[in-house]
């Protein structure tokens, strides 16, 4: 569901008035596994959920991005730090996303590039209205950043909604824990 960035999110300190921002959320009431999971694990399960059409789109994006000097997800993913997800900290990567900060209920990831910088927040709200929020903030630097965002935005929204649903699905967590 489309939502509003929670006031408590650290992403609020990063974003400016003219930045692009979207937020999607899903209820997690009664999901003790999601309420107690380390934020690095939660981010990995959501952002790196195996979805065939998303993988194909990212591969296509990488081919085009490489032609115009943008960073590719494949190259970024090779810059891994600690192997154990729980040991990853600022500067390490979850997939191709660089970790900028980790707290008990939020992780901020992203990347800086010549056309735009972006941050993704995975934020957990506890209590009676427990939810997981995934928010993306883009700082566009130039015309290329504006054009790129306009081009990918419809797909970006579909991808985030799908990853949020798939990454928090009970079946997905059971399968991941069985490995």
C-alpha atoms as a PDB file:
ATOM      1  CA  UNK A   1       0.000   0.000   0.000  1.00  0.00           C
ATOM      2  CA  UNK A   2       1.173   3.528  -0.739  1.00  0.00           C
ATOM      3  CA  UNK A   3       1.923   5.293   2.530  1.00  0.00           C
ATOM      4  CA  UNK A   4       3.647   8.262   4.146  1.00  0.00           C
ATOM      5  CA  UNK A   5       7.228   8.253   5.438  1.00  0.00           C
ATOM      6  CA  UNK A   6       7.056   7.868   9.237  1.00  0.00           C
ATOM      7  CA  UNK A   7       8.164  10.990  11.114  1.00  0.00           C
ATOM      8  CA  UNK A   8      10.628   8.901  13.139  1.00  0.00           C
ATOM      9  CA  UNK A   9      12.488   7.721  10.027  1.00  0.00           C
ATOM     10  CA  UNK A  10      16.085   8.900   9.663  1.00  0.00           C
ATOM     11  CA  UNK A  11      15.377   9.323   5.959  1.00  0.00           C
ATOM     12  CA  UNK A  12      13.681  12.600   6.944  1.00  0.00           C
ATOM     13  CA  UNK A  13      17.106  14.046   7.815  1.00  0.00           C
ATOM     14  CA  UNK A  14      18.457  13.129   4.359  1.00  0.00           C
ATOM     15  CA  UNK A  15      15.702  14.341   2.072  1.00  0.00           C
ATOM     16  CA  UNK A  16      15.130  17.851   0.789  1.00  0.00           C
ATOM     17  CA  UNK A  17      11.862  19.414  -0.372  1.00  0.00           C
ATOM     18  CA  UNK A  18      12.570  18.878  -4.091  1.00  0.00           C
ATOM     19  CA  UNK A  19      13.728  15.261  -3.769  1.00  0.00           C
ATOM     20  CA  UNK A  20      11.583  12.424  -5.084  1.00  0.00           C
ATOM     21  CA  UNK A  21      10.124  10.297  -2.273  1.00  0.00           C
ATOM     22  CA  UNK A  22       7.802   7.315  -2.197  1.00  0.00           C
ATOM     23  CA  UNK A  23       6.779   5.031   0.639  1.00  0.00           C
ATOM     24  CA  UNK A  24       5.038   1.664   0.641  1.00  0.00           C
ATOM     25  CA  UNK A  25       4.077  -0.353   3.705  1.00  0.00           C
ATOM     26  CA  UNK A  26       2.616  -3.639   4.807  1.00  0.00           C
ATOM     27  CA  UNK A  27       1.060  -4.603   8.177  1.00  0.00           C
ATOM     28  CA  UNK A  28       3.033  -7.053  10.305  1.00  0.00           C
ATOM     29  CA  UNK A  29       0.833  -7.352  13.385  1.00  0.00           C
ATOM     30  CA  UNK A  30       1.231 -10.809  14.886  1.00  0.00           C
ATOM     31  CA  UNK A  31       4.385 -11.533  12.864  1.00  0.00           C
ATOM     32  CA  UNK A  32       6.896 -12.069  15.651  1.00  0.00           C
ATOM     33  CA  UNK A  33       9.504 -13.146  13.076  1.00  0.00           C
ATOM     34  CA  UNK A  34       9.347  -9.707  11.422  1.00  0.00           C
ATOM     35  CA  UNK A  35       9.016  -7.804  14.699  1.00  0.00           C
ATOM     36  CA  UNK A  36      12.198  -9.328  16.123  1.00  0.00           C
ATOM     37  CA  UNK A  37      14.355  -9.784  13.006  1.00  0.00           C
ATOM     38  CA  UNK A  38      17.610  -7.881  12.709  1.00  0.00           C
ATOM     39  CA  UNK A  39      17.093  -4.994  10.269  1.00  0.00           C
ATOM     40  CA  UNK A  40      19.924  -6.225   8.033  1.00  0.00           C
ATOM     41  CA  UNK A  41      18.172  -9.587   7.660  1.00  0.00           C
ATOM     42  CA  UNK A  42      14.837  -7.893   7.065  1.00  0.00           C
ATOM     43  CA  UNK A  43      16.333  -5.595   4.401  1.00  0.00           C
ATOM     44  CA  UNK A  44      18.061  -8.502   2.687  1.00  0.00           C
ATOM     45  CA  UNK A  45      14.856 -10.555   2.573  1.00  0.00           C
ATOM     46  CA  UNK A  46      12.866  -7.647   1.139  1.00  0.00           C
ATOM     47  CA  UNK A  47      15.376  -6.004  -1.198  1.00  0.00           C
ATOM     48  CA  UNK A  48      16.952  -9.203  -2.486  1.00  0.00           C
ATOM     49  CA  UNK A  49      13.777 -11.309  -2.766  1.00  0.00           C
ATOM     50  CA  UNK A  50      14.175 -13.625  -5.756  1.00  0.00           C
ATOM     51  CA  UNK A  51      11.691 -12.441  -8.359  1.00  0.00           C
ATOM     52  CA  UNK A  52      12.463 -13.561 -11.912  1.00  0.00           C
ATOM     53  CA  UNK A  53      11.075 -10.574 -13.795  1.00  0.00           C
ATOM     54  CA  UNK A  54      12.878  -8.143 -11.442  1.00  0.00           C
ATOM     55  CA  UNK A  55      16.178  -9.946 -12.012  1.00  0.00           C
ATOM     56  CA  UNK A  56      15.628  -9.755 -15.787  1.00  0.00           C
ATOM     57  CA  UNK A  57      14.816  -6.020 -15.598  1.00  0.00           C
ATOM     58  CA  UNK A  58      17.927  -5.293 -13.520  1.00  0.00           C
ATOM     59  CA  UNK A  59      20.069  -7.205 -15.998  1.00  0.00           C
ATOM     60  CA  UNK A  60      18.624  -5.135 -18.855  1.00  0.00           C
ATOM     61  CA  UNK A  61      19.116  -1.939 -16.831  1.00  0.00           C
ATOM     62  CA  UNK A  62      22.758  -2.864 -16.194  1.00  0.00           C
ATOM     63  CA  UNK A  63      23.418  -3.277 -19.909  1.00  0.00           C
ATOM     64  CA  UNK A  64      22.045   0.175 -20.680  1.00  0.00           C
ATOM     65  CA  UNK A  65      23.529   1.839 -17.584  1.00  0.00           C
ATOM     66  CA  UNK A  66      27.007   0.594 -18.401  1.00  0.00           C
ATOM     67  CA  UNK A  67      26.796   2.247 -21.821  1.00  0.00           C
ATOM     68  CA  UNK A  68      26.248   5.703 -20.306  1.00  0.00           C
ATOM     69  CA  UNK A  69      28.663   5.416 -17.389  1.00  0.00           C
ATOM     70  CA  UNK A  70      26.178   4.673 -14.604  1.00  0.00           C
ATOM     71  CA  UNK A  71      27.064   2.214 -11.877  1.00  0.00           C
ATOM     72  CA  UNK A  72      25.745  -1.297 -12.468  1.00  0.00           C
ATOM     73  CA  UNK A  73      24.096  -3.495  -9.849  1.00  0.00           C
ATOM     74  CA  UNK A  74      26.462  -6.338 -10.771  1.00  0.00           C
ATOM     75  CA  UNK A  75      29.598  -4.241 -10.172  1.00  0.00           C
ATOM     76  CA  UNK A  76      28.240  -2.834  -6.915  1.00  0.00           C
ATOM     77  CA  UNK A  77      27.258  -6.267  -5.591  1.00  0.00           C
ATOM     78  CA  UNK A  78      30.886  -7.372  -5.952  1.00  0.00           C
ATOM     79  CA  UNK A  79      31.935  -4.790  -3.323  1.00  0.00           C
ATOM     80  CA  UNK A  80      30.751  -7.000  -0.460  1.00  0.00           C
ATOM     81  CA  UNK A  81      32.123  -6.676   3.064  1.00  0.00           C
ATOM     82  CA  UNK A  82      31.391  -9.122   5.868  1.00  0.00           C
ATOM     83  CA  UNK A  83      29.941 -12.483   4.817  1.00  0.00           C
ATOM     84  CA  UNK A  84      27.611 -12.813   7.809  1.00  0.00           C
ATOM     85  CA  UNK A  85      24.622 -10.494   7.305  1.00  0.00           C
ATOM     86  CA  UNK A  86      24.462  -9.677  11.038  1.00  0.00           C
ATOM     87  CA  UNK A  87      28.092  -8.445  10.951  1.00  0.00           C
ATOM     88  CA  UNK A  88      27.509  -5.989   8.107  1.00  0.00           C
ATOM     89  CA  UNK A  89      27.744  -2.327   8.970  1.00  0.00           C
ATOM     90  CA  UNK A  90      28.114   1.089   7.399  1.00  0.00           C
ATOM     91  CA  UNK A  91      29.899   0.852   4.048  1.00  0.00           C
ATOM     92  CA  UNK A  92      29.155  -2.853   3.584  1.00  0.00           C
ATOM     93  CA  UNK A  93      26.580  -3.978   1.037  1.00  0.00           C
ATOM     94  CA  UNK A  94      23.386  -5.949   1.014  1.00  0.00           C
ATOM     95  CA  UNK A  95      23.290  -7.029  -2.608  1.00  0.00           C
ATOM     96  CA  UNK A  96      24.120  -3.877  -4.544  1.00  0.00           C
ATOM     97  CA  UNK A  97      22.843  -1.518  -1.816  1.00  0.00           C
ATOM     98  CA  UNK A  98      25.464   0.218   0.380  1.00  0.00           C
ATOM     99  CA  UNK A  99      24.557   0.413   4.069  1.00  0.00           C
ATOM    100  CA  UNK A 100      24.546   3.985   5.399  1.00  0.00           C
ATOM    101  CA  UNK A 101      23.098   3.339   8.867  1.00  0.00           C
ATOM    102  CA  UNK A 102      21.552   0.549  10.921  1.00  0.00           C
ATOM    103  CA  UNK A 103      19.462   0.819  14.075  1.00  0.00           C
ATOM    104  CA  UNK A 104      17.087  -1.484  15.899  1.00  0.00           C
ATOM    105  CA  UNK A 105      14.123  -0.523  13.702  1.00  0.00           C
ATOM    106  CA  UNK A 106      15.577   1.053  10.561  1.00  0.00           C
ATOM    107  CA  UNK A 107      18.263   0.519   7.983  1.00  0.00           C
ATOM    108  CA  UNK A 108      19.215   3.121   5.389  1.00  0.00           C
ATOM    109  CA  UNK A 109      20.852   1.899   2.190  1.00  0.00           C
ATOM    110  CA  UNK A 110      21.590   3.469  -1.181  1.00  0.00           C
ATOM    111  CA  UNK A 111      24.166   4.686  -3.646  1.00  0.00           C
ATOM    112  CA  UNK A 112      25.582   7.901  -5.064  1.00  0.00           C
ATOM    113  CA  UNK A 113      26.099   8.304  -8.809  1.00  0.00           C
ATOM    114  CA  UNK A 114      26.722  11.188 -11.203  1.00  0.00           C
ATOM    115  CA  UNK A 115      23.073  11.479 -12.269  1.00  0.00           C
ATOM    116  CA  UNK A 116      21.370  10.966  -8.895  1.00  0.00           C
ATOM    117  CA  UNK A 117      21.889   9.730  -5.347  1.00  0.00           C
ATOM    118  CA  UNK A 118      19.280   7.533  -3.721  1.00  0.00           C
ATOM    119  CA  UNK A 119      18.509   6.160  -0.296  1.00  0.00           C
ATOM    120  CA  UNK A 120      16.171   3.343   0.669  1.00  0.00           C
ATOM    121  CA  UNK A 121      14.822   3.072   4.184  1.00  0.00           C
ATOM    122  CA  UNK A 122      13.416  -0.158   5.571  1.00  0.00           C
ATOM    123  CA  UNK A 123      11.633   0.996   8.715  1.00  0.00           C
ATOM    124  CA  UNK A 124       9.790  -1.135  11.270  1.00  0.00           C
ATOM    125  CA  UNK A 125       7.027   0.306  13.428  1.00  0.00           C
ATOM    126  CA  UNK A 126       6.092  -1.766  16.436  1.00  0.00           C
ATOM    127  CA  UNK A 127       2.950  -1.761  18.549  1.00  0.00           C
ATOM    128  CA  UNK A 128      -0.714  -2.194  17.705  1.00  0.00           C
ATOM    129  CA  UNK A 129      -0.302  -0.777  14.193  1.00  0.00           C
ATOM    130  CA  UNK A 130       2.923  -2.672  13.458  1.00  0.00           C
ATOM    131  CA  UNK A 131       4.121  -2.139   9.875  1.00  0.00           C
ATOM    132  CA  UNK A 132       7.159  -2.408   7.650  1.00  0.00           C
ATOM    133  CA  UNK A 133       7.770   0.663   5.488  1.00  0.00           C
ATOM    134  CA  UNK A 134      10.035   0.792   2.456  1.00  0.00           C
ATOM    135  CA  UNK A 135      10.791   4.345   1.325  1.00  0.00           C
ATOM    136  CA  UNK A 136      12.946   5.562  -1.554  1.00  0.00           C
ATOM    137  CA  UNK A 137      14.384   9.068  -1.774  1.00  0.00           C
ATOM    138  CA  UNK A 138      16.161  10.283  -4.945  1.00  0.00           C
ATOM    139  CA  UNK A 139      18.302  13.408  -5.219  1.00  0.00           C
ATOM    140  CA  UNK A 140      18.530  14.167  -8.918  1.00  0.00           C
ATOM    141  CA  UNK A 141      21.671  16.081  -9.922  1.00  0.00           C
ATOM    142  CA  UNK A 142      20.956  16.926 -13.533  1.00  0.00           C
ATOM    143  CA  UNK A 143      18.698  16.363 -16.526  1.00  0.00           C
ATOM    144  CA  UNK A 144      19.930  12.771 -16.788  1.00  0.00           C
ATOM    145  CA  UNK A 145      18.806  12.123 -13.196  1.00  0.00           C
ATOM    146  CA  UNK A 146      15.348  13.543 -13.894  1.00  0.00           C
ATOM    147  CA  UNK A 147      15.036  11.572 -17.159  1.00  0.00           C
ATOM    148  CA  UNK A 148      16.279   8.335 -15.568  1.00  0.00           C
ATOM    149  CA  UNK A 149      13.814   8.585 -12.690  1.00  0.00           C
ATOM    150  CA  UNK A 150      10.913   9.403 -15.023  1.00  0.00           C
ATOM    151  CA  UNK A 151      11.809   6.377 -17.146  1.00  0.00           C
ATOM    152  CA  UNK A 152      12.086   3.853 -14.326  1.00  0.00           C
ATOM    153  CA  UNK A 153       9.424   5.175 -11.934  1.00  0.00           C
ATOM    154  CA  UNK A 154       6.483   2.968 -13.014  1.00  0.00           C
ATOM    155  CA  UNK A 155       8.704  -0.135 -12.826  1.00  0.00           C
ATOM    156  CA  UNK A 156      10.300   1.019  -9.560  1.00  0.00           C
ATOM    157  CA  UNK A 157       6.898   1.203  -7.876  1.00  0.00           C
ATOM    158  CA  UNK A 158       5.909  -2.267  -9.107  1.00  0.00           C
ATOM    159  CA  UNK A 159       9.246  -3.696  -7.998  1.00  0.00           C
ATOM    160  CA  UNK A 160       9.100  -2.212  -4.491  1.00  0.00           C
ATOM    161  CA  UNK A 161       5.506  -3.354  -3.909  1.00  0.00           C
ATOM    162  CA  UNK A 162       6.343  -6.858  -5.148  1.00  0.00           C
ATOM    163  CA  UNK A 163       9.555  -7.114  -3.117  1.00  0.00           C
ATOM    164  CA  UNK A 164       7.849  -5.864   0.036  1.00  0.00           C
ATOM    165  CA  UNK A 165       5.043  -8.427  -0.312  1.00  0.00           C
ATOM    166  CA  UNK A 166       7.367 -11.289  -1.303  1.00  0.00           C
ATOM    167  CA  UNK A 167      10.092 -10.442   1.215  1.00  0.00           C
ATOM    168  CA  UNK A 168       7.673 -10.431   4.154  1.00  0.00           C
ATOM    169  CA  UNK A 169       5.560 -13.400   3.060  1.00  0.00           C
ATOM    170  CA  UNK A 170       5.343 -16.055   5.766  1.00  0.00           C
ATOM    171  CA  UNK A 171       6.177 -18.797   3.266  1.00  0.00           C
ATOM    172  CA  UNK A 172       9.293 -16.868   2.161  1.00  0.00           C
ATOM    173  CA  UNK A 173      10.566 -16.588   5.752  1.00  0.00           C
ATOM    174  CA  UNK A 174       9.923 -20.276   6.426  1.00  0.00           C
ATOM    175  CA  UNK A 175      11.807 -21.232   3.253  1.00  0.00           C
ATOM    176  CA  UNK A 176      14.729 -18.916   4.076  1.00  0.00           C
ATOM    177  CA  UNK A 177      14.967 -20.211   7.660  1.00  0.00           C
ATOM    178  CA  UNK A 178      15.072 -23.821   6.432  1.00  0.00           C
ATOM    179  CA  UNK A 179      18.308 -23.214   4.482  1.00  0.00           C
END
